[in-house]
Amino acid sequence: MMGFGTVIASMLSVAILLLAFYVCSSGGFYMADVLANSVMEMQENENEIMKTEIEITNISANEAGIFVSLNNTGSTKVGDYDYMDVIVKYSNTSGIAKTIWVPYQGDSDALEDKWTVGNISPDLVNPGILDPGEEIELQILLEDSLENKSVNWLLVTAPNGVKASGYFNA
């Protein structure tokens, strides 16, 4: 009868070991699956970035603001303007150098730092979205006026991080 106690204890120990192995291995498989999904999502984002290309073709400035012509030379569309960044480094009329982030404000009439979409051409496919091969005009309004004959700099960043920059004279 004492031999059965040893057999039962051994079977219980083996069962506990098998259960622990199952828990550890299923946790490992779950972590590997989550990691694989994360790598695939990261690769998709990287592919989108590689397919996105924007180019500034013209920048002009006057009393009314800064006008930027931006061409989509990539193969992906750009349309989430709220997630685009515009940064301007300029000298105001007092000669003070400023670097500011200019927020997108589509339909606002406020006289503060802002940028809006002027015109997209040709805008035949997906109206209001910058498709490959199309050009968009950004209108940037600054609270301060630009200093005459100053050299200024502008950066435009697409929602996925692709950027274009250029210098312009006031």
Protein backbone atom coordinates (compact mmCIF):
# COMPACT_ATOMS: atom_id res chain seq x y z
CA MET A 1 0.00 0.00 0.00
CA MET A 2 2.85 2.33 0.55
CA GLY A 3 3.95 1.85 -3.05
CA PHE A 4 0.73 3.40 -4.30
CA GLY A 5 1.52 6.68 -2.49
CA THR A 6 4.76 6.97 -4.43
CA VAL A 7 3.02 6.21 -7.72
CA ILE A 8 0.28 8.79 -7.04
CA ALA A 9 2.85 11.43 -6.01
CA SER A 10 4.86 10.71 -9.18
CA MET A 11 1.77 10.97 -11.39
CA LEU A 12 0.78 14.20 -9.68
CA SER A 13 4.28 15.62 -10.17
CA VAL A 14 4.28 14.67 -13.87
CA ALA A 15 0.83 16.24 -14.31
CA ILE A 16 1.99 19.48 -12.67
CA LEU A 17 5.12 19.53 -14.87
CA LEU A 18 3.02 18.96 -18.01
CA LEU A 19 0.62 21.73 -16.98
CA ALA A 20 3.51 24.14 -16.33
CA PHE A 21 5.06 23.26 -19.70
CA TYR A 22 1.71 23.86 -21.45
CA VAL A 23 1.23 27.26 -19.75
CA CYS A 24 4.78 28.39 -20.58
CA SER A 25 4.69 27.18 -24.17
CA SER A 26 1.26 28.68 -24.90
CA GLY A 27 2.46 32.01 -23.43
CA GLY A 28 5.56 31.81 -25.63
CA PHE A 29 3.47 31.06 -28.73
CA TYR A 30 1.19 34.00 -27.90
CA MET A 31 4.17 36.35 -27.52
CA ALA A 32 5.64 35.13 -30.81
CA ASP A 33 2.31 35.72 -32.55
CA VAL A 34 2.01 39.25 -31.14
CA LEU A 35 5.60 39.99 -32.16
CA ALA A 36 5.00 38.69 -35.70
CA ASN A 37 1.88 40.87 -36.04
CA SER A 38 3.82 43.91 -34.80
CA VAL A 39 6.61 43.28 -37.30
CA MET A 40 4.08 42.96 -40.15
CA GLU A 41 2.35 46.22 -39.13
CA MET A 42 5.70 47.99 -38.89
CA GLN A 43 6.63 46.72 -42.36
CA GLU A 44 3.31 47.99 -43.78
CA ASN A 45 4.00 51.45 -42.30
CA GLU A 46 7.53 51.38 -43.69
CA ASN A 47 6.21 50.44 -47.14
CA GLU A 48 3.73 53.33 -47.05
CA ILE A 49 6.51 55.74 -46.10
CA MET A 50 8.69 54.45 -48.92
CA LYS A 51 5.85 54.99 -51.43
CA THR A 52 5.10 58.53 -50.24
CA GLU A 53 7.05 61.39 -51.78
CA ILE A 54 6.24 65.10 -51.70
CA GLU A 55 8.16 67.92 -53.33
CA ILE A 56 7.92 71.69 -52.90
CA THR A 57 7.86 73.19 -56.40
CA ASN A 58 7.37 76.85 -55.49
CA ILE A 59 7.25 79.13 -52.45
CA SER A 60 6.22 82.77 -52.65
CA ALA A 61 5.47 85.30 -49.94
CA ASN A 62 3.76 88.68 -49.79
CA GLU A 63 1.68 90.73 -47.33
CA ALA A 64 -1.19 88.22 -47.64
CA GLY A 65 0.91 85.26 -46.50
CA ILE A 66 3.07 82.44 -47.79
CA PHE A 67 1.98 80.34 -50.75
CA VAL A 68 3.48 76.88 -51.20
CA SER A 69 3.03 74.60 -54.21
CA LEU A 70 3.44 70.99 -53.11
CA ASN A 71 3.55 68.13 -55.61
CA ASN A 72 2.76 64.50 -54.74
CA THR A 73 5.47 62.63 -56.64
CA GLY A 74 4.94 59.34 -54.78
CA SER A 75 2.39 56.59 -55.27
CA THR A 76 0.22 57.09 -52.17
CA LYS A 77 -2.47 59.69 -51.52
CA VAL A 78 -2.17 62.32 -48.80
CA GLY A 79 -5.38 63.56 -47.26
CA ASP A 80 -5.29 63.81 -43.47
CA TYR A 81 -4.37 67.49 -43.40
CA ASP A 82 -5.00 67.72 -39.65
CA TYR A 83 -2.04 65.38 -39.19
CA MET A 84 0.31 67.29 -41.47
CA ASP A 85 2.87 69.63 -39.95
CA VAL A 86 4.03 72.97 -41.32
CA ILE A 87 7.01 74.63 -39.63
CA VAL A 88 8.23 78.08 -40.65
CA LYS A 89 11.51 79.70 -39.65
CA TYR A 90 11.38 83.41 -40.45
CA SER A 91 12.34 86.92 -39.40
CA ASN A 92 9.51 89.28 -38.50
CA THR A 93 9.45 93.02 -39.26
CA SER A 94 11.29 93.71 -35.97
CA GLY A 95 14.14 91.49 -37.16
CA ILE A 96 13.44 88.80 -34.57
CA ALA A 97 14.04 85.26 -35.84
CA LYS A 98 11.14 82.92 -35.07
CA THR A 99 10.49 79.23 -35.60
CA ILE A 100 6.85 78.23 -35.30
CA TRP A 101 4.61 75.25 -35.94
CA VAL A 102 1.61 76.39 -37.96
CA PRO A 103 -1.61 74.42 -37.33
CA TYR A 104 -4.02 73.38 -40.07
CA GLN A 105 -7.35 75.20 -39.87
CA GLY A 106 -9.49 74.33 -42.85
CA ASP A 107 -12.42 76.72 -42.58
CA SER A 108 -11.35 79.15 -39.86
CA ASP A 109 -11.49 82.91 -40.43
CA ALA A 110 -9.27 83.63 -37.44
CA LEU A 111 -6.31 85.96 -38.01
CA GLU A 112 -3.81 83.76 -36.22
CA ASP A 113 -1.03 81.48 -37.37
CA LYS A 114 -2.70 78.88 -39.60
CA TRP A 115 -2.50 77.13 -42.94
CA THR A 116 -5.24 76.06 -45.29
CA VAL A 117 -5.57 74.18 -48.56
CA GLY A 118 -6.01 76.56 -51.47
CA ASN A 119 -6.32 74.59 -54.68
CA ILE A 120 -5.57 71.04 -55.82
CA SER A 121 -4.96 70.51 -59.52
CA PRO A 122 -5.99 68.45 -61.30
CA ASP A 123 -8.42 67.26 -58.64
CA LEU A 124 -10.39 64.75 -60.70
CA VAL A 125 -9.89 61.65 -58.55
CA ASN A 126 -10.74 61.78 -54.82
CA PRO A 127 -11.70 65.48 -54.55
CA GLY A 128 -10.00 67.24 -51.65
CA ILE A 129 -7.25 64.60 -51.36
CA LEU A 130 -3.75 65.01 -52.79
CA ASP A 131 -3.43 62.00 -55.11
CA PRO A 132 -0.23 60.96 -56.91
CA GLY A 133 0.61 63.40 -59.69
CA GLU A 134 -1.50 66.22 -58.25
CA GLU A 135 -0.29 69.56 -56.94
CA ILE A 136 -1.71 71.37 -53.92
CA GLU A 137 -1.41 75.01 -52.94
CA LEU A 138 -0.98 75.66 -49.23
CA GLN A 139 -1.83 79.13 -47.95
CA ILE A 140 0.01 80.01 -44.76
CA LEU A 141 -1.07 83.01 -42.72
CA LEU A 142 1.26 84.25 -39.98
CA GLU A 143 0.31 86.61 -37.19
CA ASP A 144 3.61 88.50 -37.70
CA SER A 145 4.61 90.01 -41.02
CA LEU A 146 7.80 88.81 -42.66
CA GLU A 147 10.83 91.10 -42.78
CA ASN A 148 11.52 92.40 -46.30
CA LYS A 149 14.40 90.72 -48.13
CA SER A 150 14.86 88.13 -45.38
CA VAL A 151 15.73 84.52 -46.21
CA ASN A 152 13.25 82.16 -44.60
CA TRP A 153 12.74 78.41 -44.41
CA LEU A 154 9.68 76.17 -44.53
CA LEU A 155 9.08 72.47 -43.73
CA VAL A 156 5.98 70.47 -44.70
CA THR A 157 5.52 66.98 -43.25
CA ALA A 158 2.96 64.41 -44.46
CA PRO A 159 0.95 62.43 -41.88
CA ASN A 160 3.30 59.43 -42.16
CA GLY A 161 6.45 61.53 -41.55
CA VAL A 162 7.66 62.12 -45.11
CA LYS A 163 8.86 65.71 -45.43
CA ALA A 164 9.86 68.41 -47.90
CA SER A 165 11.50 71.75 -47.17
CA GLY A 166 12.67 74.84 -48.98
CA TYR A 167 14.00 78.36 -48.63
CA PHE A 168 12.14 81.47 -49.74
CA ASN A 169 12.57 85.24 -49.69
CA ALA A 170 10.08 87.65 -48.21
